[in-house]
Amino acid sequence: MNYICQTCGKEHKGTPRDIGFQRPAEYFSVPPTERDSRCKLTKDWCVIDDSRFFIRGILFIRILDVADQFGWGAWAEVAQRDFEIYYTNYDKDGSSIPAFVGTLSGEPPGYAGLDGHQVRIQLGTSKDRPEFTLVPSEHLLYREQQNGITLHRVAEILHSVFPNDYPDPTNA
């Protein structure tokens, strides 16, 4: 099975190994007619009302069956000082900068209760988005991030997000 990448527009072999969100959830709480004046948005960061700061990162999950990982492209709200560190080091290698904490903005489908969950944020190279790691909890995604998932679970995730494009693996 092949898929068309929503980022580059090209066809890739296999199934997607990541799903991302283009904007933080709070962006949608700003009325559409006010977004241009109240929101500064790029593909990697968002500032709302010059007082709320969001960065885009990835929650990686090991895939146990193969030497690969699945990634949830997510947004986290961070303190202004942490945003300034991120912004200052945006085009540099930030992997030696100590991790900081943020809170998730929104939640992936099938993972209710993650909005506002704390994450540890580690900056990476200028070519990589920051890596988000959930702080310890009983949440399913925390357990998956710690223990990994199977290819069957990846198929379940893809079906839950794109039911018309990926068959239900429980009916296979």
N, C-alpha and C. Protein backbone atom coordinates (compact mmCIF):
# COMPACT_ATOMS: atom_id res chain seq x y z
N MET A 1 0.85 -1.18 0.00
CA MET A 1 0.00 0.00 0.00
C MET A 1 0.89 1.24 0.00
N ASN A 2 0.52 2.24 -0.77
CA ASN A 2 1.24 3.50 -0.84
C ASN A 2 0.35 4.62 -0.33
N TYR A 3 0.96 5.77 -0.04
CA TYR A 3 0.18 6.91 0.42
C TYR A 3 0.80 8.19 -0.12
N ILE A 4 -0.02 9.23 -0.20
CA ILE A 4 0.43 10.55 -0.63
C ILE A 4 0.74 11.36 0.63
N CYS A 5 1.96 11.82 0.74
CA CYS A 5 2.39 12.61 1.89
C CYS A 5 1.73 13.98 1.85
N GLN A 6 1.11 14.38 2.95
CA GLN A 6 0.44 15.67 3.03
C GLN A 6 1.43 16.83 3.10
N THR A 7 2.69 16.55 3.44
CA THR A 7 3.70 17.60 3.54
C THR A 7 4.37 17.86 2.20
N CYS A 8 4.88 16.80 1.57
CA CYS A 8 5.64 16.99 0.33
C CYS A 8 4.80 16.75 -0.92
N GLY A 9 3.64 16.10 -0.78
CA GLY A 9 2.77 15.84 -1.91
C GLY A 9 3.18 14.66 -2.77
N LYS A 10 4.25 13.96 -2.37
CA LYS A 10 4.74 12.83 -3.15
C LYS A 10 4.16 11.52 -2.64
N GLU A 11 4.16 10.53 -3.54
CA GLU A 11 3.71 9.19 -3.16
C GLU A 11 4.87 8.43 -2.52
N HIS A 12 4.57 7.79 -1.39
CA HIS A 12 5.57 6.99 -0.68
C HIS A 12 5.08 5.55 -0.56
N LYS A 13 6.01 4.61 -0.54
CA LYS A 13 5.65 3.20 -0.38
C LYS A 13 5.36 2.91 1.08
N GLY A 14 4.52 1.92 1.31
CA GLY A 14 4.21 1.49 2.67
C GLY A 14 3.08 2.30 3.26
N THR A 15 3.06 2.36 4.58
CA THR A 15 2.04 3.12 5.30
C THR A 15 2.71 4.25 6.06
N PRO A 16 1.96 5.32 6.34
CA PRO A 16 2.55 6.44 7.07
C PRO A 16 3.10 6.00 8.42
N ARG A 17 4.17 6.62 8.82
CA ARG A 17 4.77 6.36 10.13
C ARG A 17 4.63 7.57 11.06
N ASP A 18 3.86 8.55 10.60
CA ASP A 18 3.58 9.69 11.47
C ASP A 18 2.30 10.39 11.05
N ILE A 19 1.70 11.04 12.02
CA ILE A 19 0.50 11.84 11.79
C ILE A 19 0.72 13.14 12.56
N GLY A 20 0.53 14.26 11.90
CA GLY A 20 0.79 15.54 12.54
C GLY A 20 -0.39 16.48 12.48
N PHE A 21 -0.32 17.48 13.32
CA PHE A 21 -1.34 18.51 13.39
C PHE A 21 -0.71 19.83 12.97
N GLN A 22 -1.39 20.58 12.13
CA GLN A 22 -0.85 21.81 11.54
C GLN A 22 -0.87 23.01 12.48
N ARG A 23 -1.76 22.96 13.50
CA ARG A 23 -1.92 24.09 14.40
C ARG A 23 -2.23 23.60 15.81
N PRO A 24 -1.86 24.39 16.82
CA PRO A 24 -2.26 24.01 18.18
C PRO A 24 -3.78 24.16 18.34
N ALA A 25 -4.35 23.40 19.25
CA ALA A 25 -5.81 23.44 19.45
C ALA A 25 -6.29 24.84 19.81
N GLU A 26 -5.51 25.56 20.59
CA GLU A 26 -5.93 26.90 21.03
C GLU A 26 -6.08 27.88 19.87
N TYR A 27 -5.39 27.63 18.78
CA TYR A 27 -5.52 28.48 17.59
C TYR A 27 -6.99 28.53 17.15
N PHE A 28 -7.68 27.41 17.25
CA PHE A 28 -9.06 27.34 16.80
C PHE A 28 -10.05 27.99 17.76
N SER A 29 -9.58 28.34 18.96
CA SER A 29 -10.46 29.06 19.89
C SER A 29 -10.47 30.57 19.58
N VAL A 30 -9.55 31.01 18.74
CA VAL A 30 -9.54 32.40 18.30
C VAL A 30 -10.51 32.51 17.12
N PRO A 31 -11.45 33.43 17.17
CA PRO A 31 -12.39 33.57 16.05
C PRO A 31 -11.64 33.76 14.73
N PRO A 32 -12.11 33.09 13.67
CA PRO A 32 -11.41 33.17 12.37
C PRO A 32 -11.12 34.60 11.91
N THR A 33 -12.05 35.52 12.18
CA THR A 33 -11.86 36.90 11.73
C THR A 33 -10.77 37.62 12.52
N GLU A 34 -10.33 37.05 13.65
CA GLU A 34 -9.31 37.69 14.49
C GLU A 34 -7.95 37.00 14.40
N ARG A 35 -7.88 35.87 13.73
CA ARG A 35 -6.63 35.08 13.72
C ARG A 35 -5.46 35.84 13.12
N ASP A 36 -5.68 36.56 12.03
CA ASP A 36 -4.57 37.28 11.40
C ASP A 36 -3.97 38.32 12.33
N SER A 37 -4.78 38.96 13.14
CA SER A 37 -4.27 40.02 14.02
C SER A 37 -3.79 39.48 15.38
N ARG A 38 -4.31 38.34 15.82
CA ARG A 38 -3.96 37.85 17.16
C ARG A 38 -2.95 36.69 17.15
N CYS A 39 -2.78 36.03 16.01
CA CYS A 39 -1.93 34.84 15.96
C CYS A 39 -0.76 35.03 15.00
N LYS A 40 0.41 34.65 15.46
CA LYS A 40 1.59 34.54 14.59
C LYS A 40 1.83 33.04 14.46
N LEU A 41 1.80 32.52 13.23
CA LEU A 41 1.85 31.08 13.02
C LEU A 41 2.83 30.73 11.92
N THR A 42 3.69 29.75 12.21
CA THR A 42 4.52 29.14 11.18
C THR A 42 4.24 27.64 11.24
N LYS A 43 4.94 26.87 10.44
CA LYS A 43 4.76 25.41 10.50
C LYS A 43 5.35 24.82 11.77
N ASP A 44 6.14 25.60 12.51
CA ASP A 44 6.83 25.08 13.69
C ASP A 44 6.51 25.78 15.00
N TRP A 45 5.93 26.95 14.97
CA TRP A 45 5.60 27.65 16.21
C TRP A 45 4.39 28.55 16.02
N CYS A 46 3.79 28.91 17.16
CA CYS A 46 2.61 29.77 17.15
C CYS A 46 2.63 30.63 18.41
N VAL A 47 2.30 31.89 18.24
CA VAL A 47 2.15 32.80 19.37
C VAL A 47 0.76 33.42 19.26
N ILE A 48 0.01 33.35 20.35
CA ILE A 48 -1.35 33.90 20.38
C ILE A 48 -1.38 35.05 21.37
N ASP A 49 -1.84 36.20 20.91
CA ASP A 49 -1.99 37.40 21.74
C ASP A 49 -0.67 37.82 22.40
N ASP A 50 0.44 37.50 21.81
CA ASP A 50 1.76 37.84 22.36
C ASP A 50 1.95 37.36 23.80
N SER A 51 1.13 36.36 24.21
CA SER A 51 1.23 35.89 25.59
C SER A 51 1.16 34.37 25.75
N ARG A 52 0.78 33.68 24.70
CA ARG A 52 0.74 32.22 24.75
C ARG A 52 1.65 31.69 23.65
N PHE A 53 2.54 30.76 24.03
CA PHE A 53 3.62 30.33 23.15
C PHE A 53 3.56 28.83 22.94
N PHE A 54 3.57 28.42 21.66
CA PHE A 54 3.43 27.01 21.31
C PHE A 54 4.54 26.61 20.35
N ILE A 55 5.04 25.38 20.53
CA ILE A 55 5.99 24.84 19.58
C ILE A 55 5.51 23.47 19.13
N ARG A 56 5.91 23.13 17.93
CA ARG A 56 5.52 21.85 17.34
C ARG A 56 6.65 20.85 17.55
N GLY A 57 6.29 19.66 17.95
CA GLY A 57 7.28 18.61 18.17
C GLY A 57 6.70 17.26 17.82
N ILE A 58 7.44 16.21 18.18
CA ILE A 58 7.01 14.85 17.84
C ILE A 58 7.07 13.96 19.07
N LEU A 59 5.99 13.24 19.30
CA LEU A 59 5.93 12.17 20.31
C LEU A 59 6.27 10.87 19.59
N PHE A 60 7.47 10.36 19.77
CA PHE A 60 7.88 9.13 19.11
C PHE A 60 7.47 7.90 19.91
N ILE A 61 7.11 6.84 19.18
CA ILE A 61 6.77 5.55 19.78
C ILE A 61 7.50 4.47 18.99
N ARG A 62 8.28 3.67 19.66
CA ARG A 62 8.98 2.57 19.01
C ARG A 62 7.99 1.57 18.44
N ILE A 63 8.28 1.06 17.23
CA ILE A 63 7.49 -0.02 16.66
C ILE A 63 8.29 -1.30 16.88
N LEU A 64 7.73 -2.20 17.65
CA LEU A 64 8.45 -3.39 18.11
C LEU A 64 8.79 -4.38 17.01
N ASP A 65 7.94 -4.50 16.00
CA ASP A 65 8.12 -5.51 14.96
C ASP A 65 9.22 -5.16 13.96
N VAL A 66 9.54 -3.89 13.85
CA VAL A 66 10.51 -3.42 12.86
C VAL A 66 11.41 -2.37 13.51
N ALA A 67 12.51 -2.11 12.87
CA ALA A 67 13.43 -1.08 13.38
C ALA A 67 12.94 0.28 12.89
N ASP A 68 11.85 0.75 13.48
CA ASP A 68 11.25 2.00 13.04
C ASP A 68 10.48 2.58 14.22
N GLN A 69 9.92 3.75 14.00
CA GLN A 69 9.09 4.36 15.03
C GLN A 69 7.92 5.07 14.39
N PHE A 70 6.89 5.28 15.20
CA PHE A 70 5.71 6.02 14.79
C PHE A 70 5.78 7.35 15.51
N GLY A 71 5.37 8.43 14.84
CA GLY A 71 5.42 9.74 15.46
C GLY A 71 4.10 10.47 15.39
N TRP A 72 3.71 11.03 16.53
CA TRP A 72 2.57 11.94 16.58
C TRP A 72 3.14 13.35 16.54
N GLY A 73 2.86 14.10 15.49
CA GLY A 73 3.27 15.50 15.42
C GLY A 73 2.29 16.31 16.24
N ALA A 74 2.77 16.86 17.34
CA ALA A 74 1.88 17.53 18.29
C ALA A 74 2.40 18.93 18.61
N TRP A 75 1.60 19.67 19.34
CA TRP A 75 1.95 21.01 19.79
C TRP A 75 1.96 21.05 21.31
N ALA A 76 2.83 21.86 21.86
CA ALA A 76 2.87 22.05 23.30
C ALA A 76 2.98 23.54 23.60
N GLU A 77 2.26 23.94 24.63
CA GLU A 77 2.38 25.32 25.11
C GLU A 77 3.56 25.36 26.08
N VAL A 78 4.39 26.39 25.93
CA VAL A 78 5.58 26.52 26.76
C VAL A 78 5.64 27.92 27.37
N ALA A 79 6.45 28.05 28.40
CA ALA A 79 6.67 29.35 29.01
C ALA A 79 7.39 30.26 28.03
N GLN A 80 7.21 31.55 28.17
CA GLN A 80 7.83 32.51 27.26
C GLN A 80 9.35 32.34 27.23
N ARG A 81 9.98 32.16 28.38
CA ARG A 81 11.45 32.03 28.41
C ARG A 81 11.91 30.78 27.64
N ASP A 82 11.14 29.68 27.72
CA ASP A 82 11.49 28.47 26.98
C ASP A 82 11.26 28.68 25.48
N PHE A 83 10.20 29.39 25.13
CA PHE A 83 9.96 29.70 23.73
C PHE A 83 11.11 30.54 23.17
N GLU A 84 11.58 31.50 23.94
CA GLU A 84 12.68 32.34 23.49
C GLU A 84 13.95 31.52 23.28
N ILE A 85 14.21 30.55 24.14
CA ILE A 85 15.36 29.65 23.96
C ILE A 85 15.18 28.86 22.67
N TYR A 86 13.99 28.30 22.49
CA TYR A 86 13.68 27.55 21.27
C TYR A 86 13.88 28.44 20.04
N TYR A 87 13.29 29.60 20.06
CA TYR A 87 13.32 30.51 18.91
C TYR A 87 14.75 30.95 18.59
N THR A 88 15.53 31.27 19.62
CA THR A 88 16.92 31.68 19.44
C THR A 88 17.77 30.57 18.83
N ASN A 89 17.43 29.33 19.15
CA ASN A 89 18.20 28.18 18.67
C ASN A 89 17.52 27.43 17.54
N TYR A 90 16.52 28.03 16.95
CA TYR A 90 15.72 27.36 15.92
C TYR A 90 16.57 26.80 14.79
N ASP A 91 17.53 27.55 14.31
CA ASP A 91 18.34 27.09 13.18
C ASP A 91 19.73 26.61 13.60
N LYS A 92 19.84 26.20 14.87
CA LYS A 92 21.10 25.68 15.40
C LYS A 92 20.87 24.30 15.99
N ASP A 93 21.95 23.65 16.38
CA ASP A 93 21.84 22.37 17.08
C ASP A 93 21.53 22.67 18.54
N GLY A 94 20.31 22.38 18.96
CA GLY A 94 19.89 22.64 20.33
C GLY A 94 19.91 21.40 21.20
N SER A 95 20.51 20.32 20.71
CA SER A 95 20.45 19.05 21.45
C SER A 95 21.19 19.08 22.78
N SER A 96 22.10 20.03 22.98
CA SER A 96 22.80 20.12 24.27
C SER A 96 22.09 21.04 25.26
N ILE A 97 21.03 21.69 24.82
CA ILE A 97 20.25 22.57 25.70
C ILE A 97 19.38 21.69 26.60
N PRO A 98 19.39 21.95 27.91
CA PRO A 98 18.57 21.11 28.81
C PRO A 98 17.09 21.11 28.39
N ALA A 99 16.47 19.95 28.57
CA ALA A 99 15.05 19.80 28.27
C ALA A 99 14.24 20.73 29.17
N PHE A 100 13.07 21.10 28.70
CA PHE A 100 12.14 21.90 29.49
C PHE A 100 10.76 21.29 29.38
N VAL A 101 9.82 21.83 30.14
CA VAL A 101 8.48 21.24 30.23
C VAL A 101 7.46 22.11 29.51
N GLY A 102 6.49 21.45 28.88
CA GLY A 102 5.37 22.13 28.27
C GLY A 102 4.11 21.32 28.52
N THR A 103 2.99 21.81 28.01
CA THR A 103 1.74 21.08 28.13
C THR A 103 1.15 20.88 26.73
N LEU A 104 0.68 19.67 26.47
CA LEU A 104 0.13 19.36 25.15
C LEU A 104 -1.07 20.24 24.84
N SER A 105 -1.16 20.61 23.58
CA SER A 105 -2.28 21.37 23.07
C SER A 105 -3.08 20.43 22.17
N GLY A 106 -4.23 20.01 22.64
CA GLY A 106 -5.04 19.06 21.89
C GLY A 106 -4.62 17.64 22.21
N GLU A 107 -5.23 16.71 21.48
CA GLU A 107 -4.93 15.30 21.72
C GLU A 107 -5.16 14.50 20.45
N PRO A 108 -4.29 13.53 20.20
CA PRO A 108 -4.50 12.68 19.02
C PRO A 108 -5.78 11.88 19.15
N PRO A 109 -6.42 11.54 18.03
CA PRO A 109 -7.62 10.70 18.08
C PRO A 109 -7.33 9.39 18.80
N GLY A 110 -8.25 8.99 19.66
CA GLY A 110 -8.09 7.74 20.39
C GLY A 110 -7.31 7.88 21.69
N TYR A 111 -6.91 9.09 22.02
CA TYR A 111 -6.12 9.32 23.23
C TYR A 111 -6.76 10.42 24.08
N ALA A 112 -8.03 10.26 24.39
CA ALA A 112 -8.74 11.26 25.18
C ALA A 112 -8.03 11.51 26.51
N GLY A 113 -8.06 12.74 26.94
CA GLY A 113 -7.46 13.09 28.22
C GLY A 113 -6.02 13.59 28.13
N LEU A 114 -5.48 13.73 26.93
CA LEU A 114 -4.10 14.20 26.80
C LEU A 114 -3.97 15.71 26.73
N ASP A 115 -5.03 16.41 26.35
CA ASP A 115 -4.95 17.87 26.27
C ASP A 115 -4.53 18.42 27.62
N GLY A 116 -3.45 19.18 27.66
CA GLY A 116 -2.95 19.73 28.91
C GLY A 116 -1.98 18.82 29.65
N HIS A 117 -1.74 17.62 29.14
CA HIS A 117 -0.79 16.69 29.77
C HIS A 117 0.62 17.25 29.64
N GLN A 118 1.41 17.13 30.67
CA GLN A 118 2.77 17.64 30.62
C GLN A 118 3.68 16.76 29.77
N VAL A 119 4.59 17.43 29.06
CA VAL A 119 5.60 16.75 28.26
C VAL A 119 6.96 17.36 28.56
N ARG A 120 7.97 16.50 28.45
CA ARG A 120 9.36 16.95 28.51
C ARG A 120 9.74 17.23 27.06
N ILE A 121 10.36 18.38 26.82
CA ILE A 121 10.70 18.80 25.46
C ILE A 121 12.21 18.88 25.32
N GLN A 122 12.73 18.12 24.37
CA GLN A 122 14.17 18.15 24.09
C GLN A 122 14.38 18.69 22.68
N LEU A 123 15.11 19.79 22.59
CA LEU A 123 15.43 20.33 21.28
C LEU A 123 16.43 19.41 20.60
N GLY A 124 16.47 19.47 19.29
CA GLY A 124 17.39 18.65 18.52
C GLY A 124 18.20 19.50 17.56
N THR A 125 18.57 18.92 16.45
CA THR A 125 19.31 19.67 15.44
C THR A 125 18.38 20.63 14.73
N SER A 126 18.94 21.48 13.90
CA SER A 126 18.12 22.45 13.17
C SER A 126 17.20 21.76 12.16
N LYS A 127 17.49 20.51 11.82
CA LYS A 127 16.66 19.78 10.85
C LYS A 127 15.57 18.95 11.51
N ASP A 128 15.60 18.84 12.83
CA ASP A 128 14.65 17.99 13.54
C ASP A 128 13.72 18.82 14.43
N ARG A 129 12.47 18.41 14.46
CA ARG A 129 11.55 19.04 15.40
C ARG A 129 11.89 18.57 16.82
N PRO A 130 11.53 19.36 17.82
CA PRO A 130 11.78 18.93 19.20
C PRO A 130 11.08 17.60 19.48
N GLU A 131 11.68 16.83 20.37
CA GLU A 131 11.09 15.55 20.77
C GLU A 131 10.32 15.74 22.07
N PHE A 132 9.06 15.30 22.05
CA PHE A 132 8.19 15.37 23.23
C PHE A 132 8.14 13.99 23.88
N THR A 133 8.31 13.96 25.19
CA THR A 133 8.17 12.74 25.96
C THR A 133 7.16 13.01 27.06
N LEU A 134 6.10 12.22 27.12
CA LEU A 134 5.09 12.42 28.16
C LEU A 134 5.70 12.19 29.53
N VAL A 135 5.30 13.01 30.51
CA VAL A 135 5.73 12.76 31.88
C VAL A 135 4.96 11.53 32.37
N PRO A 136 5.52 10.79 33.33
CA PRO A 136 4.86 9.56 33.79
C PRO A 136 3.40 9.75 34.19
N SER A 137 2.59 8.81 33.72
CA SER A 137 1.16 8.80 34.04
C SER A 137 0.62 7.41 33.71
N GLU A 138 -0.66 7.24 33.92
CA GLU A 138 -1.32 5.98 33.57
C GLU A 138 -1.92 6.03 32.16
N HIS A 139 -1.70 7.11 31.44
CA HIS A 139 -2.31 7.27 30.12
C HIS A 139 -1.76 6.25 29.13
N LEU A 140 -2.63 5.77 28.23
CA LEU A 140 -2.26 4.80 27.22
C LEU A 140 -1.06 5.26 26.39
N LEU A 141 -1.05 6.51 25.96
CA LEU A 141 0.05 6.98 25.12
C LEU A 141 1.37 6.99 25.90
N TYR A 142 1.33 7.29 27.18
CA TYR A 142 2.56 7.20 27.98
C TYR A 142 3.07 5.76 27.98
N ARG A 143 2.17 4.82 28.21
CA ARG A 143 2.59 3.40 28.23
C ARG A 143 3.13 2.98 26.87
N GLU A 144 2.47 3.44 25.79
CA GLU A 144 2.95 3.09 24.46
C GLU A 144 4.31 3.72 24.19
N GLN A 145 4.50 4.93 24.66
CA GLN A 145 5.79 5.58 24.45
C GLN A 145 6.89 4.85 25.23
N GLN A 146 6.56 4.33 26.38
CA GLN A 146 7.55 3.61 27.19
C GLN A 146 7.82 2.20 26.67
N ASN A 147 6.77 1.50 26.25
CA ASN A 147 6.88 0.08 25.91
C ASN A 147 6.94 -0.23 24.43
N GLY A 148 6.54 0.71 23.58
CA GLY A 148 6.48 0.47 22.15
C GLY A 148 5.13 -0.10 21.73
N ILE A 149 4.92 -0.16 20.42
CA ILE A 149 3.68 -0.69 19.85
C ILE A 149 4.03 -1.65 18.71
N THR A 150 3.06 -2.44 18.31
CA THR A 150 3.24 -3.38 17.20
C THR A 150 2.77 -2.74 15.89
N LEU A 151 3.11 -3.37 14.79
CA LEU A 151 2.59 -2.92 13.50
C LEU A 151 1.07 -3.01 13.46
N HIS A 152 0.51 -4.00 14.15
CA HIS A 152 -0.95 -4.11 14.23
C HIS A 152 -1.53 -2.86 14.89
N ARG A 153 -0.89 -2.38 15.93
CA ARG A 153 -1.36 -1.17 16.61
C ARG A 153 -1.24 0.04 15.68
N VAL A 154 -0.18 0.11 14.89
CA VAL A 154 -0.05 1.19 13.90
C VAL A 154 -1.23 1.14 12.94
N ALA A 155 -1.59 -0.07 12.49
CA ALA A 155 -2.74 -0.22 11.58
C ALA A 155 -4.03 0.25 12.27
N GLU A 156 -4.19 -0.05 13.55
CA GLU A 156 -5.38 0.42 14.30
C GLU A 156 -5.41 1.95 14.35
N ILE A 157 -4.26 2.56 14.60
CA ILE A 157 -4.19 4.02 14.66
C ILE A 157 -4.55 4.62 13.31
N LEU A 158 -3.95 4.09 12.25
CA LEU A 158 -4.23 4.63 10.91
C LEU A 158 -5.71 4.48 10.56
N HIS A 159 -6.31 3.34 10.91
CA HIS A 159 -7.74 3.16 10.64
C HIS A 159 -8.59 4.13 11.45
N SER A 160 -8.21 4.39 12.69
CA SER A 160 -9.00 5.29 13.53
C SER A 160 -8.95 6.73 13.02
N VAL A 161 -7.83 7.12 12.43
CA VAL A 161 -7.69 8.49 11.93
C VAL A 161 -8.18 8.62 10.49
N PHE A 162 -7.92 7.60 9.68
CA PHE A 162 -8.29 7.62 8.26
C PHE A 162 -9.12 6.38 7.92
N PRO A 163 -10.35 6.26 8.45
CA PRO A 163 -11.12 5.03 8.28
C PRO A 163 -11.44 4.67 6.83
N ASN A 164 -11.50 5.64 5.94
CA ASN A 164 -11.80 5.34 4.55
C ASN A 164 -10.57 4.92 3.75
N ASP A 165 -9.40 5.18 4.30
CA ASP A 165 -8.16 4.89 3.57
C ASP A 165 -7.45 3.63 4.06
N TYR A 166 -7.68 3.27 5.32
CA TYR A 166 -6.98 2.11 5.90
C TYR A 166 -8.00 1.16 6.52
N PRO A 167 -7.95 -0.10 6.12
CA PRO A 167 -8.94 -1.08 6.60
C PRO A 167 -8.82 -1.31 8.11
N ASP A 168 -9.91 -1.73 8.70
CA ASP A 168 -9.93 -2.08 10.11
C ASP A 168 -9.13 -3.37 10.29
N PRO A 169 -8.01 -3.35 11.00
CA PRO A 169 -7.19 -4.55 11.13
C PRO A 169 -7.85 -5.66 11.95
N THR A 170 -8.87 -5.32 12.71
CA THR A 170 -9.57 -6.35 13.49
C THR A 170 -10.48 -7.19 12.60
N ASN A 171 -10.78 -6.70 11.39
CA ASN A 171 -11.62 -7.45 10.44
C ASN A 171 -10.81 -8.15 9.37
N ALA A 172 -9.50 -8.07 9.50
CA ALA A 172 -8.63 -8.67 8.46
C ALA A 172 -8.55 -10.17 8.59
